[in-house]
Amino acid sequence: MIVAFAAALAFAAQAPRVEFHAYRVTGAAGTERVDFAGDPAAGCADRGVCGFSGSETFVPVRPDPGELATFTRTGRRIGGQAVFNGGNTTASVATAGSDATCTDALVVRRAVVTFRPAGPKVRAILHGPAGEPPVAQDAAVFATHCAGPRVGDLALAGALPSAVVPVSALRKPMILLRLAADTTFSLAGFSGHVVADVRVRLKRDRRLEQLLRASGGLLSQADLLGSSVAP
């Protein structure tokens, strides 16, 4: 997380007339469900997943104190992330011709929302976008022991939950990001459907903005927890 926020501050320092905001991540709720089945048209034979079908579901948990987000804008360049303490994933996958069902559950240690340009607006993308390094993409969200599409597959298919908001919304004291999906996909051996309504709440912290600017993004946990929210 320190690397991500240091990068945001470095981006801010290099660019003229940069707009920079910092937030506390104060809420996360909702569900993200992926229903899928092995599909010959998606290459299931090459990947050995023909006959598999099932679902995987991610449910975020309430963020801990000290979970942060940043947003930067210079002209058309937009960056930043909200990073919070993940949630829980469950999976249930059946195999054609077998009575056995694979079930698994895992605790997701980190979840990420990344800000990217969407014309004159901002797109907030849960888990993504495609091509980001592991620090920026919580690739373990669907990494269960059962067969099924992974975050990288859904990112490449353009099926990750997202929200498009005006830049002005990110200047407000409180922001609610409604990260939604109702999207079909066909990739990596599977075809399926993603349905999501994940809500992430941000509270702007002007004192934190000052601290991050002054420190270059390198703050101790005590600094992060002790910063008060300015009006």
Protein backbone atom coordinates (compact mmCIF):
# COMPACT_ATOMS: atom_id res chain seq x y z
CA MET A 1 0.00 0.00 0.00
CA ILE A 2 2.88 2.40 0.77
CA VAL A 3 4.27 1.82 -2.73
CA ALA A 4 0.92 2.69 -4.33
CA PHE A 5 0.52 5.95 -2.43
CA ALA A 6 4.17 6.93 -2.91
CA ALA A 7 3.65 6.42 -6.65
CA ALA A 8 0.59 8.66 -6.53
CA LEU A 9 2.59 11.40 -4.84
CA ALA A 10 5.47 11.00 -7.30
CA PHE A 11 2.99 11.37 -10.14
CA ALA A 12 1.65 14.51 -8.46
CA ALA A 13 5.11 15.99 -7.97
CA GLN A 14 6.14 15.56 -11.60
CA ALA A 15 3.11 17.16 -13.23
CA PRO A 16 2.10 20.84 -13.27
CA ARG A 17 -1.32 21.90 -11.94
CA VAL A 18 -1.97 18.48 -10.49
CA GLU A 19 -5.22 17.81 -8.66
CA PHE A 20 -4.68 15.50 -5.69
CA HIS A 21 -7.17 14.18 -3.14
CA ALA A 22 -6.86 11.67 -0.30
CA TYR A 23 -9.59 9.71 1.42
CA ARG A 24 -10.37 7.21 4.13
CA VAL A 25 -12.11 4.06 2.90
CA THR A 26 -14.97 3.93 5.39
CA GLY A 27 -17.29 1.33 3.91
CA ALA A 28 -17.48 -1.64 1.55
CA ALA A 29 -20.50 -3.86 0.99
CA GLY A 30 -22.37 -5.84 -1.65
CA THR A 31 -21.66 -8.92 -3.74
CA GLU A 32 -19.89 -9.92 -6.93
CA ARG A 33 -21.00 -13.23 -8.46
CA VAL A 34 -19.57 -15.05 -11.47
CA ASP A 35 -21.58 -17.90 -13.03
CA PHE A 36 -19.67 -19.90 -15.63
CA ALA A 37 -19.36 -23.10 -17.63
CA GLY A 38 -16.70 -24.65 -19.82
CA ASP A 39 -17.35 -23.67 -23.43
CA PRO A 40 -15.76 -25.15 -26.58
CA ALA A 41 -16.05 -21.76 -28.27
CA ALA A 42 -13.92 -20.29 -25.48
CA GLY A 43 -11.26 -23.02 -25.76
CA CYS A 44 -12.28 -25.31 -22.91
CA ALA A 45 -10.69 -28.36 -24.55
CA ASP A 46 -7.27 -26.70 -24.69
CA ARG A 47 -7.52 -25.79 -21.01
CA GLY A 48 -9.10 -29.03 -19.83
CA VAL A 49 -12.20 -27.39 -18.36
CA CYS A 50 -14.97 -28.75 -20.58
CA GLY A 51 -17.75 -30.16 -18.39
CA PHE A 52 -17.03 -27.81 -15.47
CA SER A 53 -19.73 -25.35 -14.38
CA GLY A 54 -20.42 -23.38 -11.27
CA SER A 55 -20.18 -20.05 -9.53
CA GLU A 56 -17.79 -17.98 -7.45
CA THR A 57 -18.83 -15.10 -5.22
CA PHE A 58 -16.86 -12.29 -3.57
CA VAL A 59 -18.29 -10.36 -0.61
CA PRO A 60 -16.24 -7.42 0.72
CA VAL A 61 -15.91 -6.79 4.45
CA ARG A 62 -15.97 -3.53 6.38
CA PRO A 63 -12.64 -1.73 5.96
CA ASP A 64 -10.31 -1.43 8.94
CA PRO A 65 -9.24 2.03 10.20
CA GLY A 66 -6.33 3.35 8.16
CA GLU A 67 -7.50 2.03 4.79
CA LEU A 68 -6.78 4.78 2.25
CA ALA A 69 -7.51 6.02 -1.25
CA THR A 70 -5.89 8.65 -3.48
CA PHE A 71 -6.92 10.37 -6.70
CA THR A 72 -4.69 12.40 -9.04
CA ARG A 73 -5.52 14.29 -12.22
CA THR A 74 -3.35 16.34 -14.56
CA GLY A 75 -5.12 17.26 -17.77
CA ARG A 76 -6.39 13.99 -19.17
CA ARG A 77 -4.07 11.87 -17.06
CA ILE A 78 -5.90 10.21 -14.17
CA GLY A 79 -4.56 7.84 -11.54
CA GLY A 80 -5.09 6.62 -8.01
CA GLN A 81 -6.50 3.72 -6.05
CA ALA A 82 -8.65 2.79 -3.09
CA VAL A 83 -7.12 -0.10 -1.15
CA PHE A 84 -9.02 -1.91 1.60
CA ASN A 85 -8.93 -5.15 3.50
CA GLY A 86 -10.66 -7.44 1.06
CA GLY A 87 -13.43 -9.84 1.94
CA ASN A 88 -14.49 -13.45 1.47
CA THR A 89 -14.77 -15.63 -1.62
CA THR A 90 -16.72 -18.86 -1.99
CA ALA A 91 -16.85 -21.24 -4.95
CA SER A 92 -19.01 -24.20 -5.93
CA VAL A 93 -18.15 -26.08 -9.13
CA ALA A 94 -19.67 -29.27 -10.56
CA THR A 95 -18.20 -31.63 -13.15
CA ALA A 96 -20.37 -33.27 -15.79
CA GLY A 97 -20.72 -37.01 -15.17
CA SER A 98 -19.57 -36.78 -11.56
CA ASP A 99 -21.52 -36.56 -8.30
CA ALA A 100 -18.64 -34.75 -6.61
CA THR A 101 -18.79 -30.97 -6.26
CA CYS A 102 -15.77 -28.82 -5.58
CA THR A 103 -16.42 -26.25 -2.87
CA ASP A 104 -13.89 -23.81 -1.46
CA ALA A 105 -13.71 -20.62 0.56
CA LEU A 106 -10.90 -18.16 1.07
CA VAL A 107 -10.20 -14.89 2.83
CA VAL A 108 -9.12 -12.10 0.47
CA ARG A 109 -6.50 -9.96 2.21
CA ARG A 110 -6.68 -6.96 -0.11
CA ALA A 111 -9.15 -5.49 -2.55
CA VAL A 112 -8.37 -2.63 -4.90
CA VAL A 113 -10.38 -0.05 -6.83
CA THR A 114 -8.32 1.69 -9.53
CA PHE A 115 -9.16 5.06 -11.10
CA ARG A 116 -8.70 5.46 -14.85
CA PRO A 117 -9.91 8.01 -17.43
CA ALA A 118 -13.26 7.53 -19.15
CA GLY A 119 -13.45 10.45 -21.56
CA PRO A 120 -13.98 13.56 -19.43
CA LYS A 121 -15.03 11.38 -16.48
CA VAL A 122 -13.39 8.80 -14.21
CA ARG A 123 -13.87 5.03 -14.29
CA ALA A 124 -13.42 3.22 -10.97
CA ILE A 125 -12.61 -0.47 -11.61
CA LEU A 126 -12.81 -3.19 -8.98
CA HIS A 127 -9.78 -5.59 -9.09
CA GLY A 128 -8.42 -4.08 -12.27
CA PRO A 129 -7.79 -3.01 -14.89
CA ALA A 130 -6.18 -5.58 -17.16
CA GLY A 131 -2.43 -5.34 -17.48
CA GLU A 132 -1.79 -3.80 -14.05
CA PRO A 133 1.00 -5.33 -11.94
CA PRO A 134 0.01 -7.57 -9.00
CA VAL A 135 0.33 -4.71 -6.50
CA ALA A 136 -2.48 -2.91 -8.32
CA GLN A 137 -4.69 -5.87 -9.17
CA ASP A 138 -6.00 -8.10 -6.39
CA ALA A 139 -5.51 -11.21 -8.48
CA ALA A 140 -6.20 -13.64 -5.63
CA VAL A 141 -9.90 -12.79 -5.33
CA PHE A 142 -11.05 -15.84 -7.30
CA ALA A 143 -7.94 -18.01 -6.85
CA THR A 144 -9.80 -20.88 -5.18
CA HIS A 145 -8.89 -24.56 -5.46
CA CYS A 146 -11.84 -25.06 -7.81
CA ALA A 147 -11.79 -24.57 -11.56
CA GLY A 148 -13.13 -21.25 -12.77
CA PRO A 149 -12.23 -17.92 -14.35
CA ARG A 150 -9.74 -15.73 -12.47
CA VAL A 151 -9.58 -11.98 -12.04
CA GLY A 152 -7.12 -11.60 -14.92
CA ASP A 153 -9.50 -13.45 -17.24
CA LEU A 154 -12.41 -11.21 -16.28
CA ALA A 155 -10.23 -8.12 -16.68
CA LEU A 156 -9.22 -9.11 -20.21
CA ALA A 157 -12.86 -9.84 -21.03
CA GLY A 158 -13.93 -6.39 -19.81
CA ALA A 159 -16.24 -7.95 -17.23
CA LEU A 160 -14.97 -6.40 -13.98
CA PRO A 161 -17.39 -4.29 -11.91
CA SER A 162 -16.93 -0.57 -12.42
CA ALA A 163 -18.49 2.86 -11.97
CA VAL A 164 -18.15 6.00 -14.09
CA VAL A 165 -18.29 9.25 -12.13
CA PRO A 166 -17.55 12.91 -12.91
CA VAL A 167 -14.31 14.35 -11.55
CA SER A 168 -16.38 16.76 -9.48
CA ALA A 169 -17.81 13.83 -7.49
CA LEU A 170 -14.31 12.98 -6.24
CA ARG A 171 -13.92 16.48 -4.80
CA LYS A 172 -16.84 16.06 -2.43
CA PRO A 173 -16.52 15.29 1.31
CA MET A 174 -18.24 11.90 0.86
CA ILE A 175 -18.18 9.64 -2.20
CA LEU A 176 -20.11 6.42 -2.77
CA LEU A 177 -18.75 4.30 -5.61
CA ARG A 178 -21.35 1.85 -6.91
CA LEU A 179 -19.25 -0.72 -8.74
CA ALA A 180 -21.69 -2.65 -10.92
CA ALA A 181 -21.61 -5.36 -13.56
CA ASP A 182 -24.22 -7.25 -15.57
CA THR A 183 -21.87 -8.59 -18.20
CA THR A 184 -21.37 -11.77 -20.21
CA PHE A 185 -17.89 -13.02 -21.03
CA SER A 186 -16.17 -15.76 -23.03
CA LEU A 187 -12.48 -16.31 -22.35
CA ALA A 188 -9.92 -18.76 -20.98
CA GLY A 189 -12.10 -21.81 -21.57
CA PHE A 190 -15.22 -20.45 -19.90
CA SER A 191 -18.31 -18.50 -20.87
CA GLY A 192 -20.45 -16.91 -18.23
CA HIS A 193 -22.07 -13.94 -16.59
CA VAL A 194 -20.85 -11.46 -13.98
CA VAL A 195 -23.42 -9.72 -11.78
CA ALA A 196 -22.16 -7.28 -9.18
CA ASP A 197 -23.29 -4.44 -6.96
CA VAL A 198 -20.36 -3.51 -4.73
CA ARG A 199 -20.49 -0.21 -2.87
CA VAL A 200 -17.30 1.43 -1.61
CA ARG A 201 -17.58 4.59 0.48
CA LEU A 202 -14.81 7.19 0.66
CA LYS A 203 -14.49 10.12 3.06
CA ARG A 204 -12.22 12.91 1.94
CA ASP A 205 -9.47 13.80 4.43
CA ARG A 206 -7.80 17.16 3.77
CA ARG A 207 -5.41 16.72 6.70
CA LEU A 208 -4.29 13.41 5.19
CA GLU A 209 -3.77 15.14 1.84
CA GLN A 210 -1.38 17.57 3.53
CA LEU A 211 0.49 14.79 5.33
CA LEU A 212 0.87 12.73 2.16
CA ARG A 213 2.15 15.71 0.20
CA ALA A 214 4.63 16.60 2.92
CA SER A 215 5.88 13.04 3.43
CA GLY A 216 5.91 11.89 -0.18
CA GLY A 217 3.38 9.17 0.71
CA LEU A 218 5.53 7.47 3.37
CA LEU A 219 3.54 7.61 6.61
CA SER A 220 3.58 5.36 9.66
CA GLN A 221 0.45 3.50 10.75
CA ALA A 222 0.22 5.87 13.75
CA ASP A 223 0.24 8.86 11.38
CA LEU A 224 -2.49 7.28 9.24
CA LEU A 225 -4.75 6.46 12.21
CA GLY A 226 -4.12 9.78 13.94
CA SER A 227 -4.95 12.12 11.08
CA SER A 228 -8.23 13.94 11.59
CA VAL A 229 -10.71 14.82 8.90
CA ALA A 230 -10.74 18.52 8.12
CA PRO A 231 -13.91 20.25 6.96
